[in-house]
Amino acid sequence: RVKAILRRIQNMQSVAADETNNLIIGPIEINRDQH
């Protein structure tokens, strides 16, 4: 379980490193890089 949680965080950070644009839907803005 510990490995799965940490892997999920690492994957999220890896995805963020490849993304330059924020995800925007209506008034909601999601910044993966800065969480």
PDB file of all heavy atoms in Angstrom:
ATOM      1  N   ARG A   1       0.842  -1.204   0.000  1.00  0.00           N
ATOM      2  CA  ARG A   1       0.000   0.000   0.000  1.00  0.00           C
ATOM      3  C   ARG A   1       0.879   1.257   0.000  1.00  0.00           C
ATOM      4  O   ARG A   1       0.585   2.235  -0.694  1.00  0.00           O
ATOM      5  CB  ARG A   1      -0.902   0.010   1.236  1.00  0.00           C
ATOM      6  CG  ARG A   1      -1.944  -1.072   1.279  1.00  0.00           C
ATOM      7  CD  ARG A   1      -3.161  -0.742   0.433  1.00  0.00           C
ATOM      8  NE  ARG A   1      -4.215  -1.684   0.692  1.00  0.00           N
ATOM      9  CZ  ARG A   1      -5.213  -1.482   1.549  1.00  0.00           C
ATOM     10  NH1 ARG A   1      -5.283  -0.350   2.226  1.00  0.00           N
ATOM     11  NH2 ARG A   1      -6.141  -2.406   1.730  1.00  0.00           N
ATOM     12  N   VAL A   2       1.931   1.236   0.816  1.00  0.00           N
ATOM     13  CA  VAL A   2       2.845   2.382   0.891  1.00  0.00           C
ATOM     14  C   VAL A   2       3.463   2.647  -0.475  1.00  0.00           C
ATOM     15  O   VAL A   2       3.500   3.783  -0.954  1.00  0.00           O
ATOM     16  CB  VAL A   2       3.946   2.139   1.945  1.00  0.00           C
ATOM     17  CG1 VAL A   2       5.086   3.149   1.798  1.00  0.00           C
ATOM     18  CG2 VAL A   2       3.347   2.222   3.349  1.00  0.00           C
ATOM     19  N   LYS A   3       3.943   1.591  -1.126  1.00  0.00           N
ATOM     20  CA  LYS A   3       4.548   1.742  -2.452  1.00  0.00           C
ATOM     21  C   LYS A   3       3.548   2.309  -3.458  1.00  0.00           C
ATOM     22  O   LYS A   3       3.894   3.147  -4.296  1.00  0.00           O
ATOM     23  CB  LYS A   3       5.073   0.401  -2.940  1.00  0.00           C
ATOM     24  CG  LYS A   3       6.314  -0.087  -2.225  1.00  0.00           C
ATOM     25  CD  LYS A   3       6.732  -1.453  -2.779  1.00  0.00           C
ATOM     26  CE  LYS A   3       7.932  -2.003  -2.046  1.00  0.00           C
ATOM     27  NZ  LYS A   3       8.316  -3.350  -2.528  1.00  0.00           N
ATOM     28  N   ALA A   4       2.298   1.847  -3.371  1.00  0.00           N
ATOM     29  CA  ALA A   4       1.272   2.308  -4.312  1.00  0.00           C
ATOM     30  C   ALA A   4       1.003   3.802  -4.140  1.00  0.00           C
ATOM     31  O   ALA A   4       0.883   4.541  -5.125  1.00  0.00           O
ATOM     32  CB  ALA A   4      -0.016   1.512  -4.114  1.00  0.00           C
ATOM     33  N   ILE A   5       0.904   4.256  -2.889  1.00  0.00           N
ATOM     34  CA  ILE A   5       0.656   5.679  -2.629  1.00  0.00           C
ATOM     35  C   ILE A   5       1.825   6.522  -3.127  1.00  0.00           C
ATOM     36  O   ILE A   5       1.645   7.541  -3.800  1.00  0.00           O
ATOM     37  CB  ILE A   5       0.410   5.929  -1.129  1.00  0.00           C
ATOM     38  CG1 ILE A   5      -0.888   5.251  -0.671  1.00  0.00           C
ATOM     39  CG2 ILE A   5       0.351   7.428  -0.832  1.00  0.00           C
ATOM     40  CD1 ILE A   5      -1.091   5.270   0.833  1.00  0.00           C
ATOM     41  N   LEU A   6       3.045   6.091  -2.804  1.00  0.00           N
ATOM     42  CA  LEU A   6       4.227   6.855  -3.212  1.00  0.00           C
ATOM     43  C   LEU A   6       4.402   6.831  -4.726  1.00  0.00           C
ATOM     44  O   LEU A   6       4.811   7.834  -5.327  1.00  0.00           O
ATOM     45  CB  LEU A   6       5.469   6.290  -2.523  1.00  0.00           C
ATOM     46  CG  LEU A   6       5.504   6.452  -0.998  1.00  0.00           C
ATOM     47  CD1 LEU A   6       6.722   5.737  -0.419  1.00  0.00           C
ATOM     48  CD2 LEU A   6       5.511   7.919  -0.600  1.00  0.00           C
ATOM     49  N   ARG A   7       4.077   5.698  -5.360  1.00  0.00           N
ATOM     50  CA  ARG A   7       4.178   5.606  -6.816  1.00  0.00           C
ATOM     51  C   ARG A   7       3.184   6.549  -7.481  1.00  0.00           C
ATOM     52  O   ARG A   7       3.485   7.189  -8.486  1.00  0.00           O
ATOM     53  CB  ARG A   7       3.915   4.166  -7.257  1.00  0.00           C
ATOM     54  CG  ARG A   7       4.094   3.954  -8.768  1.00  0.00           C
ATOM     55  CD  ARG A   7       4.016   2.483  -9.135  1.00  0.00           C
ATOM     56  NE  ARG A   7       2.748   1.899  -8.772  1.00  0.00           N
ATOM     57  CZ  ARG A   7       2.585   0.954  -7.831  1.00  0.00           C
ATOM     58  NH1 ARG A   7       3.626   0.512  -7.140  1.00  0.00           N
ATOM     59  NH2 ARG A   7       1.382   0.468  -7.563  1.00  0.00           N
ATOM     60  N   ARG A   8       1.990   6.646  -6.894  1.00  0.00           N
ATOM     61  CA  ARG A   8       0.968   7.549  -7.452  1.00  0.00           C
ATOM     62  C   ARG A   8       1.443   8.998  -7.408  1.00  0.00           C
ATOM     63  O   ARG A   8       1.252   9.760  -8.360  1.00  0.00           O
ATOM     64  CB  ARG A   8      -0.335   7.381  -6.664  1.00  0.00           C
ATOM     65  CG  ARG A   8      -1.449   8.292  -7.114  1.00  0.00           C
ATOM     66  CD  ARG A   8      -2.785   7.707  -6.736  1.00  0.00           C
ATOM     67  NE  ARG A   8      -2.898   7.443  -5.315  1.00  0.00           N
ATOM     68  CZ  ARG A   8      -3.397   8.304  -4.437  1.00  0.00           C
ATOM     69  NH1 ARG A   8      -3.788   9.494  -4.841  1.00  0.00           N
ATOM     70  NH2 ARG A   8      -3.498   8.002  -3.175  1.00  0.00           N
ATOM     71  N   ILE A   9       2.071   9.372  -6.293  1.00  0.00           N
ATOM     72  CA  ILE A   9       2.589  10.735  -6.162  1.00  0.00           C
ATOM     73  C   ILE A   9       3.699  10.981  -7.178  1.00  0.00           C
ATOM     74  O   ILE A   9       3.743  12.021  -7.844  1.00  0.00           O
ATOM     75  CB  ILE A   9       3.117  10.977  -4.734  1.00  0.00           C
ATOM     76  CG1 ILE A   9       1.975  10.867  -3.728  1.00  0.00           C
ATOM     77  CG2 ILE A   9       3.781  12.343  -4.628  1.00  0.00           C
ATOM     78  CD1 ILE A   9       2.449  10.838  -2.299  1.00  0.00           C
ATOM     79  N   GLN A  10       4.592   9.996  -7.318  1.00  0.00           N
ATOM     80  CA  GLN A  10       5.695  10.124  -8.266  1.00  0.00           C
ATOM     81  C   GLN A  10       5.189  10.225  -9.701  1.00  0.00           C
ATOM     82  O   GLN A  10       5.680  11.036 -10.491  1.00  0.00           O
ATOM     83  CB  GLN A  10       6.640   8.930  -8.126  1.00  0.00           C
ATOM     84  CG  GLN A  10       7.901   9.046  -8.976  1.00  0.00           C
ATOM     85  CD  GLN A  10       8.838   7.878  -8.754  1.00  0.00           C
ATOM     86  OE1 GLN A  10       8.419   6.756  -8.465  1.00  0.00           O
ATOM     87  NE2 GLN A  10      10.123   8.129  -8.872  1.00  0.00           N
ATOM     88  N   ASN A  11       4.186   9.414 -10.026  1.00  0.00           N
ATOM     89  CA  ASN A  11       3.607   9.461 -11.371  1.00  0.00           C
ATOM     90  C   ASN A  11       2.970  10.809 -11.643  1.00  0.00           C
ATOM     91  O   ASN A  11       3.076  11.353 -12.750  1.00  0.00           O
ATOM     92  CB  ASN A  11       2.570   8.346 -11.543  1.00  0.00           C
ATOM     93  CG  ASN A  11       3.207   6.980 -11.633  1.00  0.00           C
ATOM     94  OD1 ASN A  11       4.409   6.863 -11.858  1.00  0.00           O
ATOM     95  ND2 ASN A  11       2.419   5.942 -11.452  1.00  0.00           N
ATOM     96  N   MET A  12       2.289  11.333 -10.629  1.00  0.00           N
ATOM     97  CA  MET A  12       1.649  12.632 -10.778  1.00  0.00           C
ATOM     98  C   MET A  12       2.691  13.713 -11.043  1.00  0.00           C
ATOM     99  O   MET A  12       2.515  14.585 -11.894  1.00  0.00           O
ATOM    100  CB  MET A  12       0.862  12.980  -9.509  1.00  0.00           C
ATOM    101  CG  MET A  12       0.111  14.303  -9.579  1.00  0.00           C
ATOM    102  SD  MET A  12      -0.708  14.670  -8.021  1.00  0.00           S
ATOM    103  CE  MET A  12       0.709  15.052  -6.991  1.00  0.00           C
ATOM    104  N   GLN A  13       3.828  13.629 -10.344  1.00  0.00           N
ATOM    105  CA  GLN A  13       4.891  14.613 -10.536  1.00  0.00           C
ATOM    106  C   GLN A  13       5.532  14.457 -11.910  1.00  0.00           C
ATOM    107  O   GLN A  13       5.918  15.441 -12.541  1.00  0.00           O
ATOM    108  CB  GLN A  13       5.939  14.463  -9.428  1.00  0.00           C
ATOM    109  CG  GLN A  13       5.418  14.870  -8.059  1.00  0.00           C
ATOM    110  CD  GLN A  13       6.363  14.499  -6.935  1.00  0.00           C
ATOM    111  OE1 GLN A  13       7.237  13.641  -7.090  1.00  0.00           O
ATOM    112  NE2 GLN A  13       6.186  15.123  -5.786  1.00  0.00           N
ATOM    113  N   SER A  14       5.651  13.214 -12.388  1.00  0.00           N
ATOM    114  CA  SER A  14       6.227  12.971 -13.700  1.00  0.00           C
ATOM    115  C   SER A  14       5.338  13.535 -14.798  1.00  0.00           C
ATOM    116  O   SER A  14       5.815  14.129 -15.760  1.00  0.00           O
ATOM    117  CB  SER A  14       6.427  11.469 -13.922  1.00  0.00           C
ATOM    118  OG  SER A  14       7.340  10.957 -12.987  1.00  0.00           O
ATOM    119  N   VAL A  15       4.030  13.332 -14.645  1.00  0.00           N
ATOM    120  CA  VAL A  15       3.085  13.883 -15.611  1.00  0.00           C
ATOM    121  C   VAL A  15       3.160  15.397 -15.605  1.00  0.00           C
ATOM    122  O   VAL A  15       3.168  16.044 -16.647  1.00  0.00           O
ATOM    123  CB  VAL A  15       1.652  13.421 -15.302  1.00  0.00           C
ATOM    124  CG1 VAL A  15       0.653  14.180 -16.172  1.00  0.00           C
ATOM    125  CG2 VAL A  15       1.522  11.925 -15.534  1.00  0.00           C
ATOM    126  N   ALA A  16       3.259  15.971 -14.398  1.00  0.00           N
ATOM    127  CA  ALA A  16       3.320  17.429 -14.288  1.00  0.00           C
ATOM    128  C   ALA A  16       4.539  17.984 -15.010  1.00  0.00           C
ATOM    129  O   ALA A  16       4.486  19.058 -15.608  1.00  0.00           O
ATOM    130  CB  ALA A  16       3.344  17.832 -12.811  1.00  0.00           C
ATOM    131  N   ALA A  17       5.647  17.244 -14.965  1.00  0.00           N
ATOM    132  CA  ALA A  17       6.871  17.721 -15.599  1.00  0.00           C
ATOM    133  C   ALA A  17       6.732  17.804 -17.112  1.00  0.00           C
ATOM    134  O   ALA A  17       7.423  18.571 -17.776  1.00  0.00           O
ATOM    135  CB  ALA A  17       8.030  16.796 -15.240  1.00  0.00           C
ATOM    136  N   ASP A  18       5.811  17.003 -17.672  1.00  0.00           N
ATOM    137  CA  ASP A  18       5.609  17.000 -19.119  1.00  0.00           C
ATOM    138  C   ASP A  18       4.505  17.945 -19.574  1.00  0.00           C
ATOM    139  O   ASP A  18       4.248  18.076 -20.762  1.00  0.00           O
ATOM    140  CB  ASP A  18       5.270  15.576 -19.591  1.00  0.00           C
ATOM    141  CG  ASP A  18       6.431  14.620 -19.367  1.00  0.00           C
ATOM    142  OD1 ASP A  18       7.575  15.103 -19.357  1.00  0.00           O
ATOM    143  OD2 ASP A  18       6.181  13.426 -19.188  1.00  0.00           O
ATOM    144  N   GLU A  19       3.810  18.564 -18.631  1.00  0.00           N
ATOM    145  CA  GLU A  19       2.686  19.424 -18.984  1.00  0.00           C
ATOM    146  C   GLU A  19       3.061  20.886 -18.783  1.00  0.00           C
ATOM    147  O   GLU A  19       3.655  21.260 -17.782  1.00  0.00           O
ATOM    148  CB  GLU A  19       1.465  19.087 -18.110  1.00  0.00           C
ATOM    149  CG  GLU A  19       0.894  17.711 -18.410  1.00  0.00           C
ATOM    150  CD  GLU A  19      -0.338  17.416 -17.563  1.00  0.00           C
ATOM    151  OE1 GLU A  19      -0.626  18.201 -16.639  1.00  0.00           O
ATOM    152  OE2 GLU A  19      -0.998  16.407 -17.833  1.00  0.00           O
ATOM    153  N   THR A  20       2.729  21.705 -19.749  1.00  0.00           N
ATOM    154  CA  THR A  20       3.048  23.123 -19.633  1.00  0.00           C
ATOM    155  C   THR A  20       1.794  23.957 -19.407  1.00  0.00           C
ATOM    156  O   THR A  20       1.887  25.089 -18.952  1.00  0.00           O
ATOM    157  CB  THR A  20       3.768  23.619 -20.901  1.00  0.00           C
ATOM    158  OG1 THR A  20       2.932  23.348 -22.042  1.00  0.00           O
ATOM    159  CG2 THR A  20       5.099  22.898 -21.079  1.00  0.00           C
ATOM    160  N   ASN A  21       0.626  23.418 -19.730  1.00  0.00           N
ATOM    161  CA  ASN A  21      -0.611  24.175 -19.602  1.00  0.00           C
ATOM    162  C   ASN A  21      -1.433  23.695 -18.418  1.00  0.00           C
ATOM    163  O   ASN A  21      -1.475  22.502 -18.121  1.00  0.00           O
ATOM    164  CB  ASN A  21      -1.447  24.039 -20.877  1.00  0.00           C
ATOM    165  CG  ASN A  21      -0.741  24.637 -22.084  1.00  0.00           C
ATOM    166  OD1 ASN A  21      -0.115  25.681 -21.974  1.00  0.00           O
ATOM    167  ND2 ASN A  21      -0.834  23.957 -23.206  1.00  0.00           N
ATOM    168  N   ASN A  22      -2.086  24.638 -17.769  1.00  0.00           N
ATOM    169  CA  ASN A  22      -3.009  24.287 -16.705  1.00  0.00           C
ATOM    170  C   ASN A  22      -4.287  23.698 -17.305  1.00  0.00           C
ATOM    171  O   ASN A  22      -4.637  23.963 -18.455  1.00  0.00           O
ATOM    172  CB  ASN A  22      -3.363  25.520 -15.870  1.00  0.00           C
ATOM    173  CG  ASN A  22      -2.164  26.069 -15.126  1.00  0.00           C
ATOM    174  OD1 ASN A  22      -1.124  25.424 -15.047  1.00  0.00           O
ATOM    175  ND2 ASN A  22      -2.316  27.261 -14.584  1.00  0.00           N
ATOM    176  N   LEU A  23      -4.960  22.907 -16.513  1.00  0.00           N
ATOM    177  CA  LEU A  23      -6.253  22.369 -16.923  1.00  0.00           C
ATOM    178  C   LEU A  23      -7.325  23.303 -16.383  1.00  0.00           C
ATOM    179  O   LEU A  23      -7.404  23.533 -15.168  1.00  0.00           O
ATOM    180  CB  LEU A  23      -6.422  20.952 -16.361  1.00  0.00           C
ATOM    181  CG  LEU A  23      -7.665  20.173 -16.770  1.00  0.00           C
ATOM    182  CD1 LEU A  23      -7.725  20.021 -18.286  1.00  0.00           C
ATOM    183  CD2 LEU A  23      -7.648  18.796 -16.114  1.00  0.00           C
ATOM    184  N   ILE A  24      -8.145  23.854 -17.271  1.00  0.00           N
ATOM    185  CA  ILE A  24      -9.159  24.832 -16.866  1.00  0.00           C
ATOM    186  C   ILE A  24     -10.528  24.339 -17.291  1.00  0.00           C
ATOM    187  O   ILE A  24     -10.743  23.960 -18.451  1.00  0.00           O
ATOM    188  CB  ILE A  24      -8.876  26.212 -17.498  1.00  0.00           C
ATOM    189  CG1 ILE A  24      -7.507  26.727 -17.036  1.00  0.00           C
ATOM    190  CG2 ILE A  24      -9.973  27.203 -17.135  1.00  0.00           C
ATOM    191  CD1 ILE A  24      -7.072  28.001 -17.718  1.00  0.00           C
ATOM    192  N   ILE A  25     -11.470  24.346 -16.351  1.00  0.00           N
ATOM    193  CA  ILE A  25     -12.860  24.007 -16.654  1.00  0.00           C
ATOM    194  C   ILE A  25     -13.744  24.998 -15.906  1.00  0.00           C
ATOM    195  O   ILE A  25     -13.780  25.008 -14.669  1.00  0.00           O
ATOM    196  CB  ILE A  25     -13.189  22.544 -16.269  1.00  0.00           C
ATOM    197  CG1 ILE A  25     -14.681  22.281 -16.454  1.00  0.00           C
ATOM    198  CG2 ILE A  25     -12.699  22.175 -14.888  1.00  0.00           C
ATOM    199  CD1 ILE A  25     -15.064  20.813 -16.338  1.00  0.00           C
ATOM    200  N   GLY A  26     -14.425  25.838 -16.662  1.00  0.00           N
ATOM    201  CA  GLY A  26     -15.216  26.898 -16.043  1.00  0.00           C
ATOM    202  C   GLY A  26     -14.319  27.781 -15.190  1.00  0.00           C
ATOM    203  O   GLY A  26     -13.238  28.191 -15.629  1.00  0.00           O
ATOM    204  N   PRO A  27     -14.725  28.068 -13.950  1.00  0.00           N
ATOM    205  CA  PRO A  27     -13.911  28.906 -13.070  1.00  0.00           C
ATOM    206  C   PRO A  27     -12.820  28.137 -12.332  1.00  0.00           C
ATOM    207  O   PRO A  27     -12.087  28.699 -11.529  1.00  0.00           O
ATOM    208  CB  PRO A  27     -14.937  29.446 -12.069  1.00  0.00           C
ATOM    209  CG  PRO A  27     -15.953  28.356 -11.976  1.00  0.00           C
ATOM    210  CD  PRO A  27     -16.029  27.732 -13.359  1.00  0.00           C
ATOM    211  N   ILE A  28     -12.702  26.825 -12.602  1.00  0.00           N
ATOM    212  CA  ILE A  28     -11.743  25.973 -11.901  1.00  0.00           C
ATOM    213  C   ILE A  28     -10.469  25.846 -12.724  1.00  0.00           C
ATOM    214  O   ILE A  28     -10.504  25.461 -13.881  1.00  0.00           O
ATOM    215  CB  ILE A  28     -12.330  24.574 -11.637  1.00  0.00           C
ATOM    216  CG1 ILE A  28     -13.649  24.670 -10.858  1.00  0.00           C
ATOM    217  CG2 ILE A  28     -11.325  23.704 -10.884  1.00  0.00           C
ATOM    218  CD1 ILE A  28     -14.414  23.360 -10.785  1.00  0.00           C
ATOM    219  N   GLU A  29      -9.327  26.168 -12.105  1.00  0.00           N
ATOM    220  CA  GLU A  29      -8.029  26.038 -12.757  1.00  0.00           C
ATOM    221  C   GLU A  29      -7.168  25.069 -11.956  1.00  0.00           C
ATOM    222  O   GLU A  29      -6.951  25.249 -10.756  1.00  0.00           O
ATOM    223  CB  GLU A  29      -7.336  27.401 -12.853  1.00  0.00           C
ATOM    224  CG  GLU A  29      -6.005  27.344 -13.580  1.00  0.00           C
ATOM    225  CD  GLU A  29      -5.402  28.725 -13.799  1.00  0.00           C
ATOM    226  OE1 GLU A  29      -6.104  29.719 -13.511  1.00  0.00           O
ATOM    227  OE2 GLU A  29      -4.243  28.804 -14.251  1.00  0.00           O
ATOM    228  N   ILE A  30      -6.676  24.031 -12.631  1.00  0.00           N
ATOM    229  CA  ILE A  30      -5.911  22.970 -11.969  1.00  0.00           C
ATOM    230  C   ILE A  30      -4.476  23.010 -12.473  1.00  0.00           C
ATOM    231  O   ILE A  30      -4.220  22.821 -13.657  1.00  0.00           O
ATOM    232  CB  ILE A  30      -6.521  21.587 -12.256  1.00  0.00           C
ATOM    233  CG1 ILE A  30      -8.006  21.570 -11.864  1.00  0.00           C
ATOM    234  CG2 ILE A  30      -5.759  20.497 -11.514  1.00  0.00           C
ATOM    235  CD1 ILE A  30      -8.751  20.343 -12.377  1.00  0.00           C
ATOM    236  N   ASN A  31      -3.545  23.252 -11.567  1.00  0.00           N
ATOM    237  CA  ASN A  31      -2.129  23.315 -11.900  1.00  0.00           C
ATOM    238  C   ASN A  31      -1.440  22.069 -11.365  1.00  0.00           C
ATOM    239  O   ASN A  31      -1.217  21.945 -10.171  1.00  0.00           O
ATOM    240  CB  ASN A  31      -1.502  24.580 -11.298  1.00  0.00           C
ATOM    241  CG  ASN A  31      -0.059  24.778 -11.731  1.00  0.00           C
ATOM    242  OD1 ASN A  31       0.742  23.854 -11.702  1.00  0.00           O
ATOM    243  ND2 ASN A  31       0.272  25.999 -12.119  1.00  0.00           N
ATOM    244  N   ARG A  32      -1.123  21.110 -12.260  1.00  0.00           N
ATOM    245  CA  ARG A  32      -0.500  19.864 -11.830  1.00  0.00           C
ATOM    246  C   ARG A  32       0.908  20.091 -11.284  1.00  0.00           C
ATOM    247  O   ARG A  32       1.332  19.443 -10.337  1.00  0.00           O
ATOM    248  CB  ARG A  32      -0.423  18.870 -13.003  1.00  0.00           C
ATOM    249  CG  ARG A  32      -1.715  18.215 -13.392  1.00  0.00           C
ATOM    250  CD  ARG A  32      -2.255  17.275 -12.344  1.00  0.00           C
ATOM    251  NE  ARG A  32      -1.444  16.120 -12.073  1.00  0.00           N
ATOM    252  CZ  ARG A  32      -1.732  14.876 -12.471  1.00  0.00           C
ATOM    253  NH1 ARG A  32      -2.791  14.648 -13.216  1.00  0.00           N
ATOM    254  NH2 ARG A  32      -0.971  13.869 -12.121  1.00  0.00           N
ATOM    255  N   ASP A  33       1.627  21.015 -11.893  1.00  0.00           N
ATOM    256  CA  ASP A  33       3.014  21.240 -11.515  1.00  0.00           C
ATOM    257  C   ASP A  33       3.127  21.702 -10.065  1.00  0.00           C
ATOM    258  O   ASP A  33       3.974  21.231  -9.305  1.00  0.00           O
ATOM    259  CB  ASP A  33       3.635  22.264 -12.460  1.00  0.00           C
ATOM    260  CG  ASP A  33       5.135  22.371 -12.292  1.00  0.00           C
ATOM    261  OD1 ASP A  33       5.732  21.392 -11.828  1.00  0.00           O
ATOM    262  OD2 ASP A  33       5.699  23.417 -12.628  1.00  0.00           O
ATOM    263  N   GLN A  34       2.261  22.624  -9.679  1.00  0.00           N
ATOM    264  CA  GLN A  34       2.314  23.175  -8.324  1.00  0.00           C
ATOM    265  C   GLN A  34       1.311  22.519  -7.377  1.00  0.00           C
ATOM    266  O   GLN A  34       1.260  22.857  -6.202  1.00  0.00           O
ATOM    267  CB  GLN A  34       2.050  24.682  -8.375  1.00  0.00           C
ATOM    268  CG  GLN A  34       3.105  25.449  -9.165  1.00  0.00           C
ATOM    269  CD  GLN A  34       2.835  26.942  -9.184  1.00  0.00           C
ATOM    270  OE1 GLN A  34       2.131  27.476  -8.339  1.00  0.00           O
ATOM    271  NE2 GLN A  34       3.416  27.628 -10.158  1.00  0.00           N
ATOM    272  N   HIS A  35       0.527  21.595  -7.901  1.00  0.00           N
ATOM    273  CA  HIS A  35      -0.506  20.908  -7.108  1.00  0.00           C
ATOM    274  C   HIS A  35      -1.446  21.933  -6.460  1.00  0.00           C
ATOM    275  O   HIS A  35      -1.728  21.896  -5.255  1.00  0.00           O
ATOM    276  CB  HIS A  35       0.129  20.021  -6.033  1.00  0.00           C
ATOM    277  CG  HIS A  35      -0.779  18.924  -5.565  1.00  0.00           C
ATOM    278  ND1 HIS A  35      -1.723  19.098  -4.592  1.00  0.00           N
ATOM    279  CD2 HIS A  35      -0.886  17.636  -5.952  1.00  0.00           C
ATOM    280  CE1 HIS A  35      -2.376  17.968  -4.394  1.00  0.00           C
ATOM    281  NE2 HIS A  35      -1.878  17.062  -5.203  1.00  0.00           N
TER     282      HIS A  35
END
